Amino acid sequence: MEKRYRLRFYGTVQGVGFRFTASHTANMYRLTGYVKNEYDGSVTCEVQGRQEDIEQFIAAIYRGRFIEVDRIDKTQLEVDDAERSFEVRH
């Protein structure tokens, strides 16, 4: 059963390859959604897929080489059945 979450990452998350890491990792776990930088220095990411794959995605973000996540705000959303890919938004 698929789930969808909006994740807002805070910490050292811009200018450290976060969006590339998120995109690569999402594709590795076959997740759909998007990632984008916010004006306040945080990063918003919506991910959709199997719960265990989403958890692996989050764990991989924490292991990112220069990424330092202080906290994540997590909100469950309705699944988007039409979504087919993961994109980096600007």
C-alpha atoms as a PDB file:
ATOM      1  CA  MET A   1       0.000   0.000   0.000  1.00  0.00           C
ATOM      2  CA  GLU A   2       1.413   3.349  -1.019  1.00  0.00           C
ATOM      3  CA  LYS A   3       1.823   6.342   1.265  1.00  0.00           C
ATOM      4  CA  ARG A   4       2.634   9.983   0.549  1.00  0.00           C
ATOM      5  CA  TYR A   5       4.365  12.440   2.860  1.00  0.00           C
ATOM      6  CA  ARG A   6       5.435  16.053   2.749  1.00  0.00           C
ATOM      7  CA  LEU A   7       8.812  16.269   4.470  1.00  0.00           C
ATOM      8  CA  ARG A   8      10.338  19.616   5.424  1.00  0.00           C
ATOM      9  CA  PHE A   9      14.044  19.282   6.232  1.00  0.00           C
ATOM     10  CA  TYR A  10      15.829  21.853   8.411  1.00  0.00           C
ATOM     11  CA  GLY A  11      19.548  22.209   9.087  1.00  0.00           C
ATOM     12  CA  THR A  12      22.448  22.369   6.635  1.00  0.00           C
ATOM     13  CA  VAL A  13      20.333  21.274   3.691  1.00  0.00           C
ATOM     14  CA  GLN A  14      20.954  23.835   0.928  1.00  0.00           C
ATOM     15  CA  GLY A  15      24.148  24.108  -1.086  1.00  0.00           C
ATOM     16  CA  VAL A  16      25.267  20.619  -0.025  1.00  0.00           C
ATOM     17  CA  GLY A  17      23.856  18.438  -2.822  1.00  0.00           C
ATOM     18  CA  PHE A  18      20.607  17.708  -1.004  1.00  0.00           C
ATOM     19  CA  ARG A  19      18.347  17.857  -4.067  1.00  0.00           C
ATOM     20  CA  PHE A  20      20.691  15.645  -6.104  1.00  0.00           C
ATOM     21  CA  THR A  21      20.900  13.148  -3.225  1.00  0.00           C
ATOM     22  CA  ALA A  22      17.117  13.173  -2.784  1.00  0.00           C
ATOM     23  CA  SER A  23      16.481  12.670  -6.502  1.00  0.00           C
ATOM     24  CA  HIS A  24      19.025   9.863  -6.848  1.00  0.00           C
ATOM     25  CA  THR A  25      17.774   8.118  -3.691  1.00  0.00           C
ATOM     26  CA  ALA A  26      14.102   8.466  -4.654  1.00  0.00           C
ATOM     27  CA  ASN A  27      14.817   6.878  -8.021  1.00  0.00           C
ATOM     28  CA  MET A  28      16.784   4.095  -6.341  1.00  0.00           C
ATOM     29  CA  TYR A  29      13.753   3.247  -4.152  1.00  0.00           C
ATOM     30  CA  ARG A  30      11.244   3.872  -6.982  1.00  0.00           C
ATOM     31  CA  LEU A  31       9.570   6.742  -5.156  1.00  0.00           C
ATOM     32  CA  THR A  32       7.689   9.544  -6.883  1.00  0.00           C
ATOM     33  CA  GLY A  33       7.328  13.176  -5.825  1.00  0.00           C
ATOM     34  CA  TYR A  34       9.558  16.225  -5.844  1.00  0.00           C
ATOM     35  CA  VAL A  35      12.192  18.157  -3.916  1.00  0.00           C
ATOM     36  CA  LYS A  36      12.708  21.938  -3.798  1.00  0.00           C
ATOM     37  CA  ASN A  37      14.616  24.555  -1.841  1.00  0.00           C
ATOM     38  CA  GLU A  38      12.634  27.023   0.252  1.00  0.00           C
ATOM     39  CA  TYR A  39      13.466  30.679   0.829  1.00  0.00           C
ATOM     40  CA  ASP A  40      14.003  30.152   4.577  1.00  0.00           C
ATOM     41  CA  GLY A  41      16.902  27.722   3.948  1.00  0.00           C
ATOM     42  CA  SER A  42      14.870  24.547   4.431  1.00  0.00           C
ATOM     43  CA  VAL A  43      14.058  21.936   1.782  1.00  0.00           C
ATOM     44  CA  THR A  44      10.583  20.558   1.037  1.00  0.00           C
ATOM     45  CA  CYS A  45      10.185  17.090  -0.362  1.00  0.00           C
ATOM     46  CA  GLU A  46       7.064  15.119  -1.184  1.00  0.00           C
ATOM     47  CA  VAL A  47       7.633  11.393  -1.502  1.00  0.00           C
ATOM     48  CA  GLN A  48       5.249   8.639  -2.447  1.00  0.00           C
ATOM     49  CA  GLY A  49       5.748   4.897  -2.370  1.00  0.00           C
ATOM     50  CA  ARG A  50       5.911   1.975   0.012  1.00  0.00           C
ATOM     51  CA  GLN A  51       6.350   2.926   3.683  1.00  0.00           C
ATOM     52  CA  GLU A  52       9.571   0.927   4.065  1.00  0.00           C
ATOM     53  CA  ASP A  53      11.065   2.563   0.950  1.00  0.00           C
ATOM     54  CA  ILE A  54      10.193   6.017   2.277  1.00  0.00           C
ATOM     55  CA  GLU A  55      11.908   5.152   5.574  1.00  0.00           C
ATOM     56  CA  GLN A  56      15.014   3.995   3.665  1.00  0.00           C
ATOM     57  CA  PHE A  57      14.905   7.255   1.670  1.00  0.00           C
ATOM     58  CA  ILE A  58      14.893   9.331   4.874  1.00  0.00           C
ATOM     59  CA  ALA A  59      17.729   7.247   6.360  1.00  0.00           C
ATOM     60  CA  ALA A  60      19.803   7.782   3.205  1.00  0.00           C
ATOM     61  CA  ILE A  61      19.274  11.558   3.404  1.00  0.00           C
ATOM     62  CA  TYR A  62      20.633  11.506   6.973  1.00  0.00           C
ATOM     63  CA  ARG A  63      23.734   9.700   5.688  1.00  0.00           C
ATOM     64  CA  GLY A  64      24.321  12.313   2.954  1.00  0.00           C
ATOM     65  CA  ARG A  65      27.950  13.400   2.825  1.00  0.00           C
ATOM     66  CA  PHE A  66      27.602  17.119   3.621  1.00  0.00           C
ATOM     67  CA  ILE A  67      23.948  17.142   4.663  1.00  0.00           C
ATOM     68  CA  GLU A  68      23.187  17.827   8.328  1.00  0.00           C
ATOM     69  CA  VAL A  69      19.492  17.468   9.167  1.00  0.00           C
ATOM     70  CA  ASP A  70      18.473  19.081  12.455  1.00  0.00           C
ATOM     71  CA  ARG A  71      14.816  18.154  12.187  1.00  0.00           C
ATOM     72  CA  ILE A  72      12.087  16.997   9.811  1.00  0.00           C
ATOM     73  CA  ASP A  73       8.444  18.057   9.830  1.00  0.00           C
ATOM     74  CA  LYS A  74       6.421  15.154   8.397  1.00  0.00           C
ATOM     75  CA  THR A  75       2.815  15.373   7.163  1.00  0.00           C
ATOM     76  CA  GLN A  76       0.891  12.505   5.591  1.00  0.00           C
ATOM     77  CA  LEU A  77      -0.934  13.430   2.371  1.00  0.00           C
ATOM     78  CA  GLU A  78      -3.376  11.799  -0.028  1.00  0.00           C
ATOM     79  CA  VAL A  79      -1.716   9.512  -2.575  1.00  0.00           C
ATOM     80  CA  ASP A  80      -1.449  10.974  -6.092  1.00  0.00           C
ATOM     81  CA  ASP A  81      -2.250   8.051  -8.402  1.00  0.00           C
ATOM     82  CA  ALA A  82      -1.308  10.041 -11.521  1.00  0.00           C
ATOM     83  CA  GLU A  83       2.260  10.795 -10.422  1.00  0.00           C
ATOM     84  CA  ARG A  84       4.909   8.772 -12.248  1.00  0.00           C
ATOM     85  CA  SER A  85       8.319  10.312 -11.465  1.00  0.00           C
ATOM     86  CA  PHE A  86      10.439  12.241  -8.986  1.00  0.00           C
ATOM     87  CA  GLU A  87      11.514  15.732  -9.986  1.00  0.00           C
ATOM     88  CA  VAL A  88      13.814  18.473  -8.772  1.00  0.00           C
ATOM     89  CA  ARG A  89      11.953  21.781  -8.636  1.00  0.00           C
ATOM     90  CA  HIS A  90      13.604  25.194  -8.671  1.00  0.00           C
END
